[in-house]
Amino acid sequence: MLQRDVAPGIHRIEDAYVNWYLVEVEGRFTIVDAGVPTSWASLQDALRQLDVAPDRIDALVLTHAHFDHIGFAERARSELGIPVWVHEDDVPLTRHPLQYTRERNPLLYLLRPQTLPITVAFLRNRAFFPAPIAEVRPYGDEGTLAVPGSPQIVYTPGHTIGHCSLHFPERDVVIAGDALVTFNPYTNETGPQLVARAATADSDRALRSLDALAATAATVLLPGHGAPWMGGVEAAVAQARAAGVK
């Protein structure tokens, strides 16, 4: 599902409860995150709707390398020649996306009645089975990425060790990845919150990383799961802190 211009020049695509984004600058594009494997078809559909040729995409930037966010990254790299960027600490995870560090067993969440529809959607869309990424370009904890949109790196570890959010100051928006979500696929709960311990490497660190998100002072927050948040990142952070970690 393509949602155009959720922020200026940023388009949201959602597949199987997972968001990824197309950032547009003067006819050139950066993909942020890569959804699930079946999101490849959604990419083709989005490009048709936007009347964009694949050779207008210059980069694919991952906020992190969990299995449900790298779905078509290797296919984009190998078939379209699009370089894939990821934080240096998440590079090993791109090779083995299911070997992520977590605080609790995900089966304690994914087999609950309220989350079974999400689990089924993940299975139907092969979310648990992404192709490893053969080659990536690592980035660090800070600075600006030389890709369309020139996002500023906001280091937000905790969900994964190398998780980063991407700030677009001139658009007043931050793509938060899974540093803060508005839908938790492990609990089927909505509202600003951290992802459950079943998919979090270090929840204490994830809570501390909310400070870095709040410091962007962006009006719009675009999460890795759930609807865009238009009420200011500081308010989202406050609600996430109050919700705690499940």
Protein backbone atom coordinates (compact mmCIF):
# COMPACT_ATOMS: atom_id res chain seq x y z
CA MET A 1 0.00 0.00 0.00
CA LEU A 2 1.51 3.30 -1.15
CA GLN A 3 0.75 6.43 0.88
CA ARG A 4 2.10 9.45 -0.95
CA ASP A 5 3.71 12.42 0.75
CA VAL A 6 3.30 11.45 4.39
CA ALA A 7 5.94 14.17 4.74
CA PRO A 8 7.24 16.45 1.98
CA GLY A 9 8.65 14.18 -0.73
CA ILE A 10 8.51 11.05 1.46
CA HIS A 11 6.21 8.19 0.50
CA ARG A 12 5.22 5.36 2.86
CA ILE A 13 4.68 1.75 1.81
CA GLU A 14 3.27 -0.82 4.24
CA ASP A 15 3.42 -4.57 3.74
CA ALA A 16 2.49 -7.15 6.39
CA TYR A 17 2.46 -4.55 9.20
CA VAL A 18 5.94 -3.29 8.18
CA ASN A 19 6.69 0.20 6.84
CA TRP A 20 9.37 1.28 4.44
CA TYR A 21 9.83 4.60 2.67
CA LEU A 22 10.78 6.29 -0.59
CA VAL A 23 12.52 9.64 -0.19
CA GLU A 24 12.39 11.85 -3.28
CA VAL A 25 14.74 14.70 -4.21
CA GLU A 26 14.54 16.29 -7.66
CA GLY A 27 13.64 13.03 -9.34
CA ARG A 28 16.22 10.92 -7.49
CA PHE A 29 15.28 8.48 -4.74
CA THR A 30 16.51 6.80 -1.58
CA ILE A 31 14.72 3.75 -0.22
CA VAL A 32 14.69 3.61 3.58
CA ASP A 33 14.36 0.03 4.82
CA ALA A 34 13.26 -2.85 2.62
CA GLY A 35 10.18 -4.40 4.17
CA VAL A 36 9.53 -8.10 3.70
CA PRO A 37 10.53 -10.21 0.67
CA THR A 38 7.15 -9.70 -1.03
CA SER A 39 7.67 -5.94 -0.76
CA TRP A 40 9.61 -6.31 -4.01
CA ALA A 41 6.25 -6.35 -5.83
CA SER A 42 5.16 -3.30 -3.83
CA LEU A 43 8.32 -1.49 -4.95
CA GLN A 44 7.48 -2.17 -8.59
CA ASP A 45 3.91 -1.01 -8.03
CA ALA A 46 5.02 2.15 -6.21
CA LEU A 47 7.44 3.05 -8.99
CA ARG A 48 4.65 2.63 -11.55
CA GLN A 49 2.30 4.85 -9.56
CA LEU A 50 4.98 7.50 -9.13
CA ASP A 51 6.06 7.11 -12.78
CA VAL A 52 9.66 6.49 -11.72
CA ALA A 53 12.19 4.26 -13.48
CA PRO A 54 14.27 1.97 -11.25
CA ASP A 55 17.47 3.68 -12.37
CA ARG A 56 16.33 6.80 -10.50
CA ILE A 57 16.95 5.02 -7.18
CA ASP A 58 20.44 5.82 -5.91
CA ALA A 59 20.55 4.16 -2.49
CA LEU A 60 18.85 1.88 0.01
CA VAL A 61 19.49 2.86 3.63
CA LEU A 62 18.63 0.47 6.46
CA THR A 63 17.78 1.85 9.87
CA HIS A 64 18.67 -1.62 11.18
CA ALA A 65 18.98 -5.18 9.93
CA HIS A 66 16.18 -7.17 11.55
CA PHE A 67 14.65 -9.80 9.29
CA ASP A 68 11.44 -7.83 8.68
CA HIS A 69 13.25 -4.74 7.40
CA ILE A 70 15.73 -6.17 4.88
CA GLY A 71 13.24 -8.13 2.78
CA PHE A 72 14.16 -7.10 -0.76
CA ALA A 73 17.51 -5.42 -0.02
CA GLU A 74 19.67 -8.11 -1.62
CA ARG A 75 17.44 -8.24 -4.68
CA ALA A 76 17.67 -4.46 -5.07
CA ARG A 77 21.44 -4.66 -4.72
CA SER A 78 22.01 -7.60 -7.04
CA GLU A 79 19.38 -6.92 -9.72
CA LEU A 80 19.26 -3.11 -9.77
CA GLY A 81 22.77 -2.29 -8.57
CA ILE A 82 21.46 -0.18 -5.67
CA PRO A 83 24.02 0.14 -2.84
CA VAL A 84 22.75 -0.87 0.59
CA TRP A 85 23.82 1.24 3.58
CA VAL A 86 23.67 0.03 7.20
CA HIS A 87 25.30 0.97 10.49
CA GLU A 88 28.63 -0.76 10.98
CA ASP A 89 27.43 -2.62 14.09
CA ASP A 90 24.53 -4.20 12.19
CA VAL A 91 26.66 -5.46 9.30
CA PRO A 92 26.93 -9.02 10.78
CA LEU A 93 23.14 -9.10 11.10
CA THR A 94 22.72 -8.45 7.37
CA ARG A 95 24.48 -11.78 6.77
CA HIS A 96 22.44 -13.68 9.39
CA PRO A 97 19.19 -11.72 9.87
CA LEU A 98 17.51 -14.26 12.16
CA GLN A 99 20.42 -14.34 14.60
CA TYR A 100 19.42 -11.13 16.32
CA THR A 101 19.91 -10.51 20.03
CA ARG A 102 16.71 -10.35 22.08
CA GLU A 103 15.70 -10.28 25.72
CA ARG A 104 12.76 -12.71 25.51
CA ASN A 105 11.65 -15.64 23.33
CA PRO A 106 9.50 -14.26 20.47
CA LEU A 107 7.25 -17.33 20.58
CA LEU A 108 5.93 -16.04 23.92
CA TYR A 109 4.39 -13.20 21.88
CA LEU A 110 3.83 -14.45 18.34
CA LEU A 111 1.62 -17.38 19.33
CA ARG A 112 -0.78 -15.32 21.43
CA PRO A 113 -4.33 -15.11 20.03
CA GLN A 114 -4.11 -11.34 19.56
CA THR A 115 -0.91 -11.59 17.52
CA LEU A 116 -1.68 -14.66 15.42
CA PRO A 117 -2.98 -12.56 12.47
CA ILE A 118 0.35 -10.72 12.44
CA THR A 119 2.32 -13.96 12.62
CA VAL A 120 0.26 -15.36 9.73
CA ALA A 121 0.90 -12.20 7.68
CA PHE A 122 4.63 -12.50 8.37
CA LEU A 123 4.60 -16.13 7.24
CA ARG A 124 2.50 -15.41 4.14
CA ASN A 125 4.89 -12.66 3.09
CA ARG A 126 8.02 -14.68 3.94
CA ALA A 127 9.12 -12.08 6.49
CA PHE A 128 11.11 -14.65 8.44
CA PHE A 129 13.07 -15.71 5.35
CA PRO A 130 14.85 -12.71 3.78
CA ALA A 131 17.92 -13.25 1.64
CA PRO A 132 21.19 -12.30 3.37
CA ILE A 133 22.79 -9.18 1.89
CA ALA A 134 26.04 -10.06 0.16
CA GLU A 135 27.59 -6.57 0.26
CA VAL A 136 26.82 -3.42 2.23
CA ARG A 137 28.24 0.04 2.79
CA PRO A 138 28.69 0.69 6.53
CA TYR A 139 28.01 4.05 8.12
CA GLY A 140 28.86 5.35 11.58
CA ASP A 141 27.15 6.94 14.57
CA GLU A 142 26.82 10.47 13.21
CA GLY A 143 27.08 12.66 10.16
CA THR A 144 25.04 13.06 6.98
CA LEU A 145 24.65 10.30 4.42
CA ALA A 146 25.56 11.19 0.84
CA VAL A 147 22.30 9.88 -0.62
CA PRO A 148 19.21 11.68 -1.96
CA GLY A 149 17.59 13.53 0.92
CA SER A 150 20.89 13.89 2.82
CA PRO A 151 19.54 12.35 6.04
CA GLN A 152 21.35 13.06 9.27
CA ILE A 153 22.26 9.94 11.23
CA VAL A 154 20.65 9.76 14.67
CA TYR A 155 22.27 6.92 16.61
CA THR A 156 19.45 5.11 18.46
CA PRO A 157 20.80 1.70 19.56
CA GLY A 158 18.84 -0.72 21.68
CA HIS A 159 16.42 -2.39 19.31
CA THR A 160 19.57 -3.59 17.59
CA ILE A 161 23.12 -2.67 18.58
CA GLY A 162 23.53 -0.54 15.47
CA HIS A 163 20.04 0.89 15.10
CA CYS A 164 19.92 4.42 13.67
CA SER A 165 17.11 6.81 12.88
CA LEU A 166 17.28 9.28 9.98
CA HIS A 167 16.52 12.97 10.42
CA PHE A 168 15.50 15.21 7.53
CA PRO A 169 15.61 18.68 9.16
CA GLU A 170 14.43 20.64 6.13
CA ARG A 171 11.34 18.39 5.97
CA ASP A 172 10.77 18.46 9.74
CA VAL A 173 10.61 14.66 9.83
CA VAL A 174 12.51 11.78 11.37
CA ILE A 175 12.29 8.19 10.12
CA ALA A 176 12.59 6.33 13.41
CA GLY A 177 12.78 2.75 12.17
CA ASP A 178 12.04 0.59 15.21
CA ALA A 179 13.56 2.98 17.77
CA LEU A 180 9.96 4.06 18.41
CA VAL A 181 6.88 2.55 16.76
CA THR A 182 3.17 3.34 16.78
CA PHE A 183 2.17 -0.32 16.40
CA ASN A 184 3.82 -3.20 18.21
CA PRO A 185 3.62 -6.41 16.12
CA TYR A 186 4.49 -8.48 19.19
CA THR A 187 1.54 -7.24 21.27
CA ASN A 188 -0.92 -5.85 18.66
CA GLU A 189 -0.99 -2.58 20.60
CA THR A 190 -1.09 0.89 19.05
CA GLY A 191 0.38 4.19 20.16
CA PRO A 192 3.98 5.39 20.56
CA GLN A 193 6.05 2.67 22.25
CA LEU A 194 9.18 0.57 22.12
CA VAL A 195 9.08 -2.77 20.37
CA ALA A 196 8.68 -5.70 22.76
CA ARG A 197 11.63 -7.42 24.42
CA ALA A 198 11.21 -10.31 21.95
CA ALA A 199 12.84 -8.13 19.30
CA THR A 200 14.97 -5.82 21.42
CA ALA A 201 18.65 -6.36 22.17
CA ASP A 202 18.85 -3.95 25.11
CA SER A 203 15.65 -2.30 26.34
CA ASP A 204 17.45 0.00 28.79
CA ARG A 205 19.59 1.32 25.96
CA ALA A 206 16.51 1.65 23.74
CA LEU A 207 14.88 3.82 26.41
CA ARG A 208 17.97 6.02 26.61
CA SER A 209 18.00 6.37 22.83
CA LEU A 210 14.64 8.12 23.00
CA ASP A 211 16.60 11.20 24.12
CA ALA A 212 18.33 11.32 20.73
CA LEU A 213 15.00 11.09 18.94
CA ALA A 214 13.50 13.85 21.07
CA ALA A 215 16.52 16.06 20.35
CA THR A 216 15.56 16.18 16.66
CA ALA A 217 12.41 18.13 17.66
CA ALA A 218 10.81 16.93 14.43
CA THR A 219 7.08 17.42 13.99
CA VAL A 220 6.56 14.20 12.03
CA LEU A 221 7.84 10.78 13.12
CA LEU A 222 7.69 7.92 10.63
CA PRO A 223 7.98 4.53 12.37
CA GLY A 224 8.94 1.08 11.17
CA HIS A 225 5.55 -0.24 12.28
CA GLY A 226 2.31 1.69 12.54
CA ALA A 227 0.83 4.94 11.35
CA PRO A 228 2.82 8.15 10.94
CA TRP A 229 2.91 10.32 14.07
CA MET A 230 2.16 13.98 13.33
CA GLY A 231 2.06 15.31 16.89
CA GLY A 232 5.73 16.06 17.47
CA VAL A 233 8.49 13.67 18.38
CA GLU A 234 8.74 14.93 21.97
CA ALA A 235 5.12 13.92 22.63
CA ALA A 236 5.73 10.52 21.04
CA VAL A 237 8.78 9.98 23.20
CA ALA A 238 6.85 10.93 26.34
CA GLN A 239 4.15 8.38 25.53
CA ALA A 240 6.72 5.69 24.75
CA ARG A 241 8.44 6.26 28.08
CA ALA A 242 5.12 6.05 29.89
CA ALA A 243 4.26 2.80 28.09
CA GLY A 244 7.52 1.18 29.17
CA VAL A 245 8.78 -2.09 27.67
CA LYS A 246 6.54 -5.13 27.24
